[in-house]
Amino acid sequence: MSQDPSPPPQYFGRFPRSLDAKKRVAIPSAWVSGEGVEFHVVPHPMEGYLMVMGREELANWKKVFQDLPMTPQERRMAIREISSEAHAVTTDKQGRILLPESHCEEAGLAGDVVFVGAESRFEIWAKDRHDATRAASREIFKRAAELSGL
């Protein structure tokens, strides 16, 4: 009898961290254990943070792009873009990843950052950008809670 595959990882919570001079940052220990865990880092195209996801999640997004109401050429271009932006990173013995310099520049990452769980992936925000968007996010959450009866 075959065993069910392990469920995909899930990421919850918010964790302050600091980038070192080499652009390394420690992933929260609740999210990763040990050395050699691979992630893909992709700058969000509109919101100014880094999306970090496993290979399966990246493949899921490519599938989502296939079903969008776009021309075949636009779909190819979107898949090409996410694939070319997705840089593989691997945890070291301290649970750190080395972020691509170009991605850090695009997301404004230097010094203090915030890891934000987003269920099937996590995000890395510059602390100042995260703080600036937090109030709006809280208001949207309050509205969703009210509308849903939470």
Protein backbone atom coordinates (compact mmCIF):
# COMPACT_ATOMS: atom_id res chain seq x y z
CA MET A 1 0.00 0.00 0.00
CA SER A 2 1.49 3.33 -1.02
CA GLN A 3 1.57 6.23 1.36
CA ASP A 4 0.02 9.57 0.57
CA PRO A 5 2.57 12.19 -0.39
CA SER A 6 3.32 14.67 2.35
CA PRO A 7 1.15 17.76 2.26
CA PRO A 8 2.67 20.89 0.75
CA PRO A 9 4.28 23.23 3.27
CA GLN A 10 2.22 26.09 4.63
CA TYR A 11 3.55 29.39 5.91
CA PHE A 12 1.80 31.44 8.58
CA GLY A 13 2.92 34.32 10.78
CA ARG A 14 5.02 37.46 10.51
CA PHE A 15 8.71 37.53 11.45
CA PRO A 16 11.16 40.44 11.50
CA ARG A 17 14.62 39.64 10.17
CA SER A 18 17.76 41.41 8.96
CA LEU A 19 19.63 40.97 5.70
CA ASP A 20 23.37 40.74 6.14
CA ALA A 21 25.84 42.52 3.86
CA LYS A 22 25.92 39.53 1.48
CA LYS A 23 22.08 39.56 1.16
CA ARG A 24 21.62 36.42 3.27
CA VAL A 25 18.62 36.14 5.54
CA ALA A 26 17.44 33.44 7.93
CA ILE A 27 14.10 31.83 7.17
CA PRO A 28 11.94 31.44 10.30
CA SER A 29 12.73 28.07 11.87
CA ALA A 30 9.03 27.18 11.95
CA TRP A 31 9.06 27.24 8.15
CA VAL A 32 12.18 25.26 7.36
CA SER A 33 14.39 22.74 9.05
CA GLY A 34 17.91 22.01 8.09
CA GLU A 35 20.15 22.56 5.16
CA GLY A 36 19.45 22.11 1.46
CA VAL A 37 15.80 23.15 1.25
CA GLU A 38 15.17 24.71 -2.15
CA PHE A 39 12.92 27.69 -2.80
CA HIS A 40 12.28 29.94 -5.79
CA VAL A 41 12.39 33.70 -5.28
CA VAL A 42 10.34 35.92 -7.61
CA PRO A 43 9.78 39.68 -7.32
CA HIS A 44 6.08 40.48 -7.21
CA PRO A 45 5.42 42.36 -10.46
CA MET A 46 3.27 45.09 -8.89
CA GLU A 47 3.58 45.24 -5.10
CA GLY A 48 7.31 45.56 -4.38
CA TYR A 49 8.16 42.46 -2.35
CA LEU A 50 9.67 39.03 -2.99
CA MET A 51 7.52 35.92 -3.30
CA VAL A 52 9.25 32.78 -2.09
CA MET A 53 7.82 29.40 -2.99
CA GLY A 54 8.64 25.77 -3.53
CA ARG A 55 8.88 24.15 -6.92
CA GLU A 56 5.30 22.83 -6.72
CA GLU A 57 3.86 26.26 -6.01
CA LEU A 58 5.80 27.79 -8.90
CA ALA A 59 4.45 25.05 -11.19
CA ASN A 60 0.92 25.79 -9.93
CA TRP A 61 1.28 29.45 -10.92
CA LYS A 62 2.43 28.46 -14.39
CA LYS A 63 -0.72 26.32 -14.69
CA VAL A 64 -2.86 29.24 -13.54
CA PHE A 65 -1.29 31.39 -16.25
CA GLN A 66 -2.26 28.74 -18.84
CA ASP A 67 -5.94 29.26 -17.99
CA LEU A 68 -5.99 33.05 -18.10
CA PRO A 69 -8.06 34.82 -20.77
CA MET A 70 -5.00 35.83 -22.77
CA THR A 71 -3.70 35.13 -26.23
CA PRO A 72 -1.31 32.18 -26.56
CA GLN A 73 1.54 34.64 -27.11
CA GLU A 74 0.65 36.56 -23.94
CA ARG A 75 0.51 33.31 -21.96
CA ARG A 76 3.95 32.29 -23.24
CA MET A 77 5.32 35.71 -22.34
CA ALA A 78 3.85 35.59 -18.82
CA ILE A 79 5.20 32.08 -18.22
CA ARG A 80 8.57 33.09 -19.65
CA GLU A 81 8.71 36.09 -17.34
CA ILE A 82 7.85 34.23 -14.13
CA SER A 83 10.26 31.43 -15.10
CA SER A 84 13.11 33.81 -15.87
CA GLU A 85 12.54 35.78 -12.65
CA ALA A 86 12.36 32.65 -10.45
CA HIS A 87 15.82 32.25 -8.96
CA ALA A 88 16.45 29.02 -7.07
CA VAL A 89 17.93 29.45 -3.60
CA THR A 90 18.88 26.79 -1.07
CA THR A 91 19.10 27.00 2.69
CA ASP A 92 22.51 26.75 4.32
CA LYS A 93 23.31 25.12 7.69
CA GLN A 94 21.90 28.14 9.54
CA GLY A 95 18.62 28.08 7.57
CA ARG A 96 19.60 31.15 5.56
CA ILE A 97 19.06 31.85 1.89
CA LEU A 98 21.13 34.10 -0.33
CA LEU A 99 18.84 36.51 -2.16
CA PRO A 100 19.74 37.68 -5.67
CA GLU A 101 21.09 41.24 -5.63
CA SER A 102 18.80 42.28 -8.49
CA HIS A 103 15.74 41.02 -6.62
CA CYS A 104 16.78 42.88 -3.47
CA GLU A 105 17.14 46.09 -5.45
CA GLU A 106 13.75 45.64 -7.12
CA ALA A 107 12.02 45.02 -3.76
CA GLY A 108 13.98 47.71 -1.91
CA LEU A 109 15.46 45.15 0.50
CA ALA A 110 18.33 46.22 2.73
CA GLY A 111 18.76 45.90 6.46
CA ASP A 112 15.45 45.19 8.21
CA VAL A 113 12.97 42.96 6.41
CA VAL A 114 9.75 41.19 7.32
CA PHE A 115 8.82 37.60 6.44
CA VAL A 116 5.07 37.30 5.91
CA GLY A 117 3.32 33.96 5.66
CA ALA A 118 0.95 33.66 2.72
CA GLU A 119 -0.16 30.05 3.16
CA SER A 120 1.42 28.21 0.19
CA ARG A 121 4.29 30.69 -0.16
CA PHE A 122 5.87 33.42 1.89
CA GLU A 123 6.84 36.99 1.19
CA ILE A 124 9.88 39.04 2.07
CA TRP A 125 9.16 42.76 2.45
CA ALA A 126 11.35 45.73 3.20
CA LYS A 127 10.25 46.72 6.70
CA ASP A 128 9.30 50.26 5.68
CA ARG A 129 7.19 49.03 2.72
CA HIS A 130 5.51 46.43 4.89
CA ASP A 131 4.72 49.00 7.57
CA ALA A 132 3.28 51.36 4.93
CA THR A 133 0.90 48.71 3.55
CA ARG A 134 -0.05 47.15 6.90
CA ALA A 135 -2.80 49.65 7.76
CA ALA A 136 -4.54 49.13 4.42
CA SER A 137 -4.25 45.35 4.80
CA ARG A 138 -5.78 45.51 8.28
CA GLU A 139 -8.73 47.50 6.95
CA ILE A 140 -9.32 45.00 4.16
CA PHE A 141 -9.12 42.15 6.68
CA LYS A 142 -11.64 43.90 8.94
CA ARG A 143 -13.99 44.32 5.97
CA ALA A 144 -13.60 40.68 4.96
CA ALA A 145 -14.23 39.60 8.56
CA GLU A 146 -17.37 41.71 8.72
CA LEU A 147 -18.69 40.51 5.35
CA SER A 148 -17.98 36.87 6.17
CA GLY A 149 -19.33 36.96 9.73
CA LEU A 150 -15.97 35.98 11.21
